[in-house]
N, C-alpha and C. Protein backbone atom coordinates (compact mmCIF):
# COMPACT_ATOMS: atom_id res chain seq x y z
N MET A 1 -18.90 -3.53 -19.28
CA MET A 1 -18.34 -2.33 -18.69
C MET A 1 -18.93 -2.08 -17.30
N GLU A 2 -20.19 -2.46 -17.12
CA GLU A 2 -20.82 -2.26 -15.81
C GLU A 2 -20.18 -3.15 -14.76
N GLN A 3 -19.77 -4.34 -15.15
CA GLN A 3 -19.11 -5.24 -14.20
C GLN A 3 -17.75 -4.68 -13.78
N PHE A 4 -17.02 -4.12 -14.74
CA PHE A 4 -15.72 -3.51 -14.43
C PHE A 4 -15.90 -2.36 -13.45
N THR A 5 -16.90 -1.54 -13.68
CA THR A 5 -17.19 -0.41 -12.79
C THR A 5 -17.57 -0.90 -11.40
N ALA A 6 -18.35 -1.96 -11.33
CA ALA A 6 -18.76 -2.51 -10.03
C ALA A 6 -17.57 -3.07 -9.26
N ILE A 7 -16.69 -3.76 -9.96
CA ILE A 7 -15.49 -4.31 -9.31
C ILE A 7 -14.58 -3.18 -8.84
N PHE A 8 -14.39 -2.18 -9.69
CA PHE A 8 -13.54 -1.04 -9.33
C PHE A 8 -14.10 -0.30 -8.13
N THR A 9 -15.42 -0.12 -8.08
CA THR A 9 -16.06 0.55 -6.95
C THR A 9 -15.91 -0.28 -5.67
N ALA A 10 -16.02 -1.60 -5.77
CA ALA A 10 -15.87 -2.46 -4.60
C ALA A 10 -14.44 -2.41 -4.06
N VAL A 11 -13.46 -2.43 -4.95
CA VAL A 11 -12.06 -2.37 -4.53
C VAL A 11 -11.76 -1.01 -3.90
N LEU A 12 -12.26 0.05 -4.50
CA LEU A 12 -12.06 1.38 -3.94
C LEU A 12 -12.69 1.48 -2.55
N GLY A 13 -13.87 0.90 -2.38
CA GLY A 13 -14.51 0.89 -1.06
C GLY A 13 -13.69 0.13 -0.04
N LEU A 14 -13.06 -0.96 -0.47
CA LEU A 14 -12.21 -1.73 0.44
C LEU A 14 -10.99 -0.92 0.86
N PHE A 15 -10.38 -0.22 -0.09
CA PHE A 15 -9.20 0.58 0.23
C PHE A 15 -9.53 1.75 1.14
N GLN A 16 -10.76 2.23 1.12
CA GLN A 16 -11.16 3.35 1.96
C GLN A 16 -11.63 2.90 3.35
N HIS A 17 -11.76 1.59 3.56
CA HIS A 17 -12.21 1.06 4.84
C HIS A 17 -11.16 1.38 5.91
N LYS A 18 -11.58 1.98 7.00
CA LYS A 18 -10.65 2.36 8.08
C LYS A 18 -10.75 1.35 9.21
N PHE A 19 -9.60 1.09 9.84
CA PHE A 19 -9.57 0.22 11.01
C PHE A 19 -8.56 0.77 11.99
N THR A 20 -8.70 0.35 13.25
CA THR A 20 -7.82 0.84 14.31
C THR A 20 -6.90 -0.28 14.75
N LEU A 21 -5.61 0.03 14.80
CA LEU A 21 -4.60 -0.94 15.19
C LEU A 21 -3.65 -0.27 16.17
N TYR A 22 -3.62 -0.76 17.40
CA TYR A 22 -2.79 -0.20 18.46
C TYR A 22 -3.02 1.30 18.63
N GLY A 23 -4.26 1.74 18.53
CA GLY A 23 -4.60 3.14 18.75
C GLY A 23 -4.48 4.02 17.53
N PHE A 24 -4.00 3.50 16.40
CA PHE A 24 -3.87 4.28 15.18
C PHE A 24 -4.97 3.88 14.21
N THR A 25 -5.69 4.85 13.68
CA THR A 25 -6.73 4.58 12.69
C THR A 25 -6.14 4.79 11.31
N ILE A 26 -6.11 3.72 10.52
CA ILE A 26 -5.53 3.76 9.18
C ILE A 26 -6.47 3.06 8.20
N SER A 27 -6.22 3.28 6.93
CA SER A 27 -7.00 2.60 5.90
C SER A 27 -6.06 1.68 5.12
N TYR A 28 -6.65 0.81 4.32
CA TYR A 28 -5.83 -0.08 3.50
C TYR A 28 -5.03 0.72 2.47
N TRP A 29 -5.54 1.87 2.05
CA TRP A 29 -4.80 2.74 1.14
C TRP A 29 -3.51 3.22 1.81
N ASP A 30 -3.60 3.60 3.09
CA ASP A 30 -2.42 4.02 3.84
C ASP A 30 -1.40 2.88 3.93
N VAL A 31 -1.88 1.67 4.16
CA VAL A 31 -1.00 0.50 4.24
C VAL A 31 -0.28 0.30 2.92
N LEU A 32 -1.01 0.42 1.81
CA LEU A 32 -0.42 0.25 0.48
C LEU A 32 0.67 1.29 0.23
N VAL A 33 0.39 2.55 0.55
CA VAL A 33 1.36 3.62 0.32
C VAL A 33 2.61 3.40 1.17
N TRP A 34 2.44 3.05 2.45
CA TRP A 34 3.59 2.84 3.31
C TRP A 34 4.41 1.63 2.88
N CYS A 35 3.76 0.59 2.38
CA CYS A 35 4.49 -0.57 1.87
C CYS A 35 5.31 -0.21 0.65
N LEU A 36 4.76 0.61 -0.24
CA LEU A 36 5.52 1.06 -1.41
C LEU A 36 6.72 1.90 -1.00
N ILE A 37 6.52 2.80 -0.06
CA ILE A 37 7.63 3.65 0.40
C ILE A 37 8.70 2.80 1.08
N ALA A 38 8.29 1.85 1.91
CA ALA A 38 9.26 0.97 2.58
C ALA A 38 10.01 0.12 1.57
N GLY A 39 9.33 -0.37 0.54
CA GLY A 39 10.00 -1.17 -0.49
C GLY A 39 11.04 -0.38 -1.25
N ILE A 40 10.72 0.87 -1.57
CA ILE A 40 11.68 1.73 -2.25
C ILE A 40 12.88 2.01 -1.36
N ALA A 41 12.63 2.32 -0.09
CA ALA A 41 13.72 2.61 0.85
C ALA A 41 14.62 1.39 1.05
N ILE A 42 14.03 0.21 1.19
CA ILE A 42 14.81 -1.01 1.38
C ILE A 42 15.63 -1.31 0.14
N SER A 43 15.06 -1.12 -1.04
CA SER A 43 15.80 -1.35 -2.28
C SER A 43 16.97 -0.39 -2.40
N PHE A 44 16.77 0.85 -2.01
CA PHE A 44 17.84 1.85 -2.07
C PHE A 44 18.97 1.49 -1.11
N ILE A 45 18.61 1.14 0.12
CA ILE A 45 19.62 0.79 1.11
C ILE A 45 20.36 -0.49 0.70
N LYS A 46 19.64 -1.45 0.19
CA LYS A 46 20.25 -2.69 -0.29
C LYS A 46 21.25 -2.39 -1.41
N GLY A 47 20.88 -1.49 -2.31
CA GLY A 47 21.78 -1.10 -3.40
C GLY A 47 23.04 -0.42 -2.88
N LEU A 48 22.90 0.39 -1.84
CA LEU A 48 24.07 1.04 -1.26
C LEU A 48 25.00 0.04 -0.58
N LEU A 49 24.42 -0.92 0.14
CA LEU A 49 25.23 -1.87 0.88
C LEU A 49 25.87 -2.94 0.02
N LEU A 50 25.14 -3.43 -0.96
CA LEU A 50 25.65 -4.53 -1.77
C LEU A 50 26.36 -4.06 -3.05
N GLY A 51 26.06 -2.88 -3.50
CA GLY A 51 26.68 -2.38 -4.72
C GLY A 51 26.14 -3.13 -5.92
N ASP A 52 26.85 -3.03 -7.02
CA ASP A 52 26.45 -3.71 -8.25
C ASP A 52 26.99 -5.12 -8.27
N GLU A 53 26.09 -6.06 -8.26
CA GLU A 53 26.51 -7.48 -8.29
C GLU A 53 26.03 -8.11 -9.56
């Protein structure tokens, strides 16, 4: 159980790491959230354009 906690803590620390890209400071957590939102939006638009196939 201690190893699981250590791995979880390390991953959480990685997601909270902030970096600056083209003047914007973001974290990996922000990247994950925006990728999920973009994936949902793309799937919705694809469904509207292609319909049920």
